[in-house]
Amino acid sequence: EKIVGKAQIIAQLPHDKESKIAGCRLTEGRITKTDKLRVMREDKVLGTVRASSLKQRKQELDKVEQGEFGIYFEPQLNFQVGDVIEAYVPPRMV
């Protein structure tokens, strides 16, 4: 597999009663809605998710290449500030 992007979660933003949005800062590469994503805490995988929404300054995007952004995960995970998101391409697609 190939890591194509990384972001650090810097905030938890409420979305509705049962879900939240991760406020993130891109630290490496890029993240797109079609990427496979995994949420990491201290080098342990919390879960594999996909981005159902990527927003930067309230604008819906297909790809984030710099700066801060919000991401809505499916399925929802119990993430924390400080967790890392890795975007990757599975081996068969590299």
N, C-alpha and C. Protein backbone atom coordinates (compact mmCIF):
# COMPACT_ATOMS: atom_id res chain seq x y z
N GLU A 1 0.83 -1.19 0.00
CA GLU A 1 0.00 0.00 0.00
C GLU A 1 0.87 1.24 0.00
N LYS A 2 0.27 2.35 -0.36
CA LYS A 2 1.00 3.62 -0.43
C LYS A 2 0.24 4.67 0.37
N ILE A 3 0.93 5.33 1.31
CA ILE A 3 0.34 6.44 2.08
C ILE A 3 0.37 7.67 1.18
N VAL A 4 -0.80 8.28 0.95
CA VAL A 4 -0.86 9.45 0.06
C VAL A 4 -1.13 10.75 0.81
N GLY A 5 -1.47 10.65 2.10
CA GLY A 5 -1.71 11.86 2.88
C GLY A 5 -1.86 11.56 4.35
N LYS A 6 -1.57 12.58 5.17
CA LYS A 6 -1.73 12.47 6.62
C LYS A 6 -2.28 13.79 7.14
N ALA A 7 -3.09 13.68 8.19
CA ALA A 7 -3.63 14.87 8.85
C ALA A 7 -3.73 14.59 10.33
N GLN A 8 -3.57 15.65 11.12
CA GLN A 8 -3.73 15.52 12.57
C GLN A 8 -5.08 16.11 12.96
N ILE A 9 -5.79 15.39 13.83
CA ILE A 9 -7.06 15.90 14.33
C ILE A 9 -6.76 16.94 15.41
N ILE A 10 -7.28 18.15 15.20
CA ILE A 10 -6.99 19.25 16.12
C ILE A 10 -8.24 19.72 16.87
N ALA A 11 -9.43 19.19 16.49
CA ALA A 11 -10.67 19.59 17.16
C ALA A 11 -11.77 18.57 16.92
N GLN A 12 -12.72 18.50 17.87
CA GLN A 12 -13.95 17.72 17.70
C GLN A 12 -15.08 18.73 17.59
N LEU A 13 -15.82 18.67 16.49
CA LEU A 13 -16.90 19.61 16.26
C LEU A 13 -18.23 18.84 16.25
N PRO A 14 -19.23 19.30 17.02
CA PRO A 14 -20.50 18.58 17.04
C PRO A 14 -21.19 18.66 15.68
N HIS A 15 -21.82 17.56 15.27
CA HIS A 15 -22.57 17.53 14.01
C HIS A 15 -24.05 17.35 14.31
N ASP A 16 -24.39 16.33 15.04
CA ASP A 16 -25.74 16.13 15.55
C ASP A 16 -25.62 15.38 16.88
N LYS A 17 -26.73 14.86 17.39
CA LYS A 17 -26.70 14.21 18.71
C LYS A 17 -25.71 13.06 18.81
N GLU A 18 -25.56 12.31 17.72
CA GLU A 18 -24.78 11.08 17.80
C GLU A 18 -23.48 11.10 17.02
N SER A 19 -23.17 12.19 16.35
CA SER A 19 -21.95 12.19 15.53
C SER A 19 -21.21 13.51 15.64
N LYS A 20 -19.95 13.47 15.20
CA LYS A 20 -19.13 14.68 15.25
C LYS A 20 -18.23 14.73 14.03
N ILE A 21 -17.74 15.93 13.77
CA ILE A 21 -16.83 16.18 12.66
C ILE A 21 -15.44 16.36 13.24
N ALA A 22 -14.44 15.81 12.55
CA ALA A 22 -13.05 15.98 12.97
C ALA A 22 -12.49 17.23 12.30
N GLY A 23 -12.06 18.18 13.11
CA GLY A 23 -11.33 19.34 12.59
C GLY A 23 -9.87 18.94 12.46
N CYS A 24 -9.30 19.06 11.26
CA CYS A 24 -7.97 18.51 10.98
C CYS A 24 -7.04 19.54 10.37
N ARG A 25 -5.74 19.24 10.47
CA ARG A 25 -4.70 20.01 9.78
C ARG A 25 -3.91 19.02 8.93
N LEU A 26 -3.88 19.26 7.62
CA LEU A 26 -3.12 18.40 6.72
C LEU A 26 -1.63 18.57 7.02
N THR A 27 -0.92 17.46 7.20
CA THR A 27 0.50 17.53 7.52
C THR A 27 1.38 16.96 6.42
N GLU A 28 0.75 16.22 5.49
CA GLU A 28 1.54 15.56 4.44
C GLU A 28 0.62 15.15 3.30
N GLY A 29 1.05 15.37 2.06
CA GLY A 29 0.32 14.87 0.90
C GLY A 29 -1.03 15.52 0.69
N ARG A 30 -2.05 14.68 0.42
CA ARG A 30 -3.41 15.15 0.18
C ARG A 30 -4.39 14.09 0.64
N ILE A 31 -5.65 14.50 0.84
CA ILE A 31 -6.71 13.58 1.21
C ILE A 31 -7.90 13.85 0.30
N THR A 32 -8.48 12.78 -0.27
CA THR A 32 -9.65 12.93 -1.12
C THR A 32 -10.80 12.10 -0.56
N LYS A 33 -12.01 12.37 -1.06
CA LYS A 33 -13.19 11.61 -0.62
C LYS A 33 -13.10 10.14 -1.02
N THR A 34 -12.35 9.83 -2.06
CA THR A 34 -12.29 8.44 -2.53
C THR A 34 -11.18 7.63 -1.87
N ASP A 35 -10.31 8.29 -1.10
CA ASP A 35 -9.23 7.57 -0.42
C ASP A 35 -9.77 6.64 0.66
N LYS A 36 -9.06 5.55 0.89
CA LYS A 36 -9.28 4.73 2.08
C LYS A 36 -8.58 5.49 3.22
N LEU A 37 -9.22 5.57 4.37
CA LEU A 37 -8.67 6.30 5.50
C LEU A 37 -8.61 5.41 6.72
N ARG A 38 -7.56 5.59 7.52
CA ARG A 38 -7.53 4.92 8.82
C ARG A 38 -7.18 5.97 9.87
N VAL A 39 -7.79 5.81 11.02
CA VAL A 39 -7.55 6.71 12.14
C VAL A 39 -6.60 6.00 13.09
N MET A 40 -5.51 6.69 13.44
CA MET A 40 -4.44 6.12 14.25
C MET A 40 -4.32 6.88 15.58
N ARG A 41 -3.99 6.12 16.63
CA ARG A 41 -3.66 6.73 17.92
C ARG A 41 -2.43 6.02 18.44
N GLU A 42 -1.34 6.77 18.58
CA GLU A 42 -0.07 6.20 19.07
C GLU A 42 0.31 4.94 18.29
N ASP A 43 0.28 5.03 16.97
CA ASP A 43 0.67 3.94 16.07
C ASP A 43 -0.24 2.72 16.11
N LYS A 44 -1.42 2.85 16.71
CA LYS A 44 -2.40 1.77 16.70
C LYS A 44 -3.59 2.21 15.84
N VAL A 45 -4.10 1.31 15.01
CA VAL A 45 -5.25 1.63 14.16
C VAL A 45 -6.53 1.56 14.98
N LEU A 46 -7.27 2.69 15.03
CA LEU A 46 -8.57 2.72 15.72
C LEU A 46 -9.66 2.17 14.81
N GLY A 47 -9.51 2.41 13.52
CA GLY A 47 -10.52 1.93 12.58
C GLY A 47 -10.27 2.46 11.18
N THR A 48 -10.94 1.83 10.23
CA THR A 48 -10.86 2.24 8.84
C THR A 48 -12.18 2.90 8.48
N VAL A 49 -12.10 4.06 7.84
CA VAL A 49 -13.29 4.86 7.53
C VAL A 49 -13.18 5.42 6.12
N ARG A 50 -14.25 6.09 5.72
CA ARG A 50 -14.18 6.88 4.49
C ARG A 50 -14.73 8.26 4.81
N ALA A 51 -14.39 9.23 3.97
CA ALA A 51 -14.86 10.60 4.16
C ALA A 51 -16.16 10.78 3.40
N SER A 52 -17.25 11.00 4.10
CA SER A 52 -18.50 11.29 3.39
C SER A 52 -18.61 12.79 3.14
N SER A 53 -17.80 13.58 3.86
CA SER A 53 -17.78 15.03 3.63
C SER A 53 -16.40 15.57 3.97
N LEU A 54 -15.89 16.44 3.10
CA LEU A 54 -14.65 17.19 3.32
C LEU A 54 -14.98 18.66 3.11
N LYS A 55 -14.73 19.48 4.11
CA LYS A 55 -15.04 20.91 3.97
C LYS A 55 -13.87 21.76 4.40
N GLN A 56 -13.69 22.85 3.66
CA GLN A 56 -12.68 23.84 4.00
C GLN A 56 -13.38 25.20 3.88
N ARG A 57 -13.40 25.96 4.97
CA ARG A 57 -14.10 27.24 5.02
C ARG A 57 -15.54 27.11 4.52
N LYS A 58 -16.25 26.10 5.01
CA LYS A 58 -17.66 25.83 4.71
C LYS A 58 -17.92 25.43 3.27
N GLN A 59 -16.88 25.21 2.48
CA GLN A 59 -17.05 24.80 1.09
C GLN A 59 -16.78 23.30 0.98
N GLU A 60 -17.74 22.57 0.39
CA GLU A 60 -17.59 21.13 0.19
C GLU A 60 -16.54 20.87 -0.89
N LEU A 61 -15.60 19.97 -0.60
CA LEU A 61 -14.51 19.67 -1.54
C LEU A 61 -14.42 18.17 -1.81
N ASP A 62 -13.79 17.82 -2.93
CA ASP A 62 -13.47 16.42 -3.22
C ASP A 62 -12.06 16.08 -2.77
N LYS A 63 -11.22 17.13 -2.61
CA LYS A 63 -9.81 16.91 -2.27
C LYS A 63 -9.30 18.08 -1.42
N VAL A 64 -8.46 17.75 -0.42
CA VAL A 64 -7.78 18.76 0.40
C VAL A 64 -6.29 18.59 0.18
N GLU A 65 -5.62 19.70 -0.17
CA GLU A 65 -4.18 19.64 -0.45
C GLU A 65 -3.34 20.50 0.49
N GLN A 66 -4.00 21.31 1.33
CA GLN A 66 -3.25 22.12 2.29
C GLN A 66 -4.20 22.67 3.35
N GLY A 67 -3.60 23.06 4.48
CA GLY A 67 -4.34 23.78 5.51
C GLY A 67 -5.24 22.93 6.39
N GLU A 68 -6.23 23.62 6.96
CA GLU A 68 -7.16 23.00 7.90
C GLU A 68 -8.48 22.70 7.21
N PHE A 69 -9.14 21.64 7.69
CA PHE A 69 -10.39 21.21 7.06
C PHE A 69 -11.20 20.39 8.05
N GLY A 70 -12.46 20.20 7.73
CA GLY A 70 -13.33 19.34 8.51
C GLY A 70 -13.64 18.08 7.73
N ILE A 71 -13.73 16.96 8.43
CA ILE A 71 -14.03 15.69 7.77
C ILE A 71 -15.10 14.96 8.58
N TYR A 72 -16.10 14.45 7.87
CA TYR A 72 -17.15 13.64 8.48
C TYR A 72 -16.90 12.20 8.08
N PHE A 73 -16.69 11.34 9.07
CA PHE A 73 -16.36 9.93 8.81
C PHE A 73 -17.61 9.06 8.72
N GLU A 74 -17.52 8.03 7.91
CA GLU A 74 -18.46 6.92 7.95
C GLU A 74 -17.64 5.65 7.94
N PRO A 75 -17.84 4.74 8.86
CA PRO A 75 -18.69 4.89 10.05
C PRO A 75 -18.04 5.84 11.06
N GLN A 76 -18.85 6.31 12.00
CA GLN A 76 -18.34 7.19 13.04
C GLN A 76 -17.39 6.42 13.96
N LEU A 77 -16.34 7.11 14.41
CA LEU A 77 -15.36 6.52 15.33
C LEU A 77 -15.24 7.41 16.55
N ASN A 78 -14.78 6.84 17.64
CA ASN A 78 -14.55 7.62 18.85
C ASN A 78 -13.14 8.21 18.80
N PHE A 79 -12.95 9.20 17.92
CA PHE A 79 -11.64 9.82 17.77
C PHE A 79 -11.40 10.88 18.83
N GLN A 80 -10.13 11.26 19.00
CA GLN A 80 -9.74 12.30 19.96
C GLN A 80 -8.81 13.29 19.28
N VAL A 81 -8.73 14.48 19.86
CA VAL A 81 -7.74 15.45 19.42
C VAL A 81 -6.36 14.81 19.58
N GLY A 82 -5.52 14.93 18.57
CA GLY A 82 -4.20 14.32 18.59
C GLY A 82 -4.10 13.06 17.76
N ASP A 83 -5.24 12.43 17.45
CA ASP A 83 -5.22 11.26 16.57
C ASP A 83 -4.78 11.68 15.17
N VAL A 84 -4.32 10.72 14.39
CA VAL A 84 -3.82 10.99 13.04
C VAL A 84 -4.66 10.22 12.03
N ILE A 85 -4.97 10.88 10.92
CA ILE A 85 -5.67 10.23 9.81
C ILE A 85 -4.64 9.94 8.73
N GLU A 86 -4.60 8.71 8.25
CA GLU A 86 -3.75 8.34 7.13
C GLU A 86 -4.64 7.99 5.94
N ALA A 87 -4.36 8.61 4.80
CA ALA A 87 -5.04 8.26 3.55
C ALA A 87 -4.10 7.33 2.80
N TYR A 88 -4.65 6.21 2.30
CA TYR A 88 -3.78 5.25 1.63
C TYR A 88 -4.46 4.63 0.42
N VAL A 89 -3.63 4.09 -0.46
CA VAL A 89 -4.10 3.37 -1.64
C VAL A 89 -3.76 1.90 -1.40
N PRO A 90 -4.76 1.01 -1.47
CA PRO A 90 -4.49 -0.42 -1.26
C PRO A 90 -3.47 -0.95 -2.27
N PRO A 91 -2.75 -2.01 -1.92
CA PRO A 91 -1.67 -2.54 -2.77
C PRO A 91 -2.09 -2.84 -4.21
N ARG A 92 -3.27 -3.40 -4.40
CA ARG A 92 -3.67 -3.78 -5.76
C ARG A 92 -3.94 -2.57 -6.65
N MET A 93 -4.06 -1.38 -6.05
CA MET A 93 -4.36 -0.18 -6.83
C MET A 93 -3.13 0.70 -7.05
N VAL A 94 -2.02 0.36 -6.41
CA VAL A 94 -0.80 1.19 -6.51
C VAL A 94 -0.18 1.02 -7.87
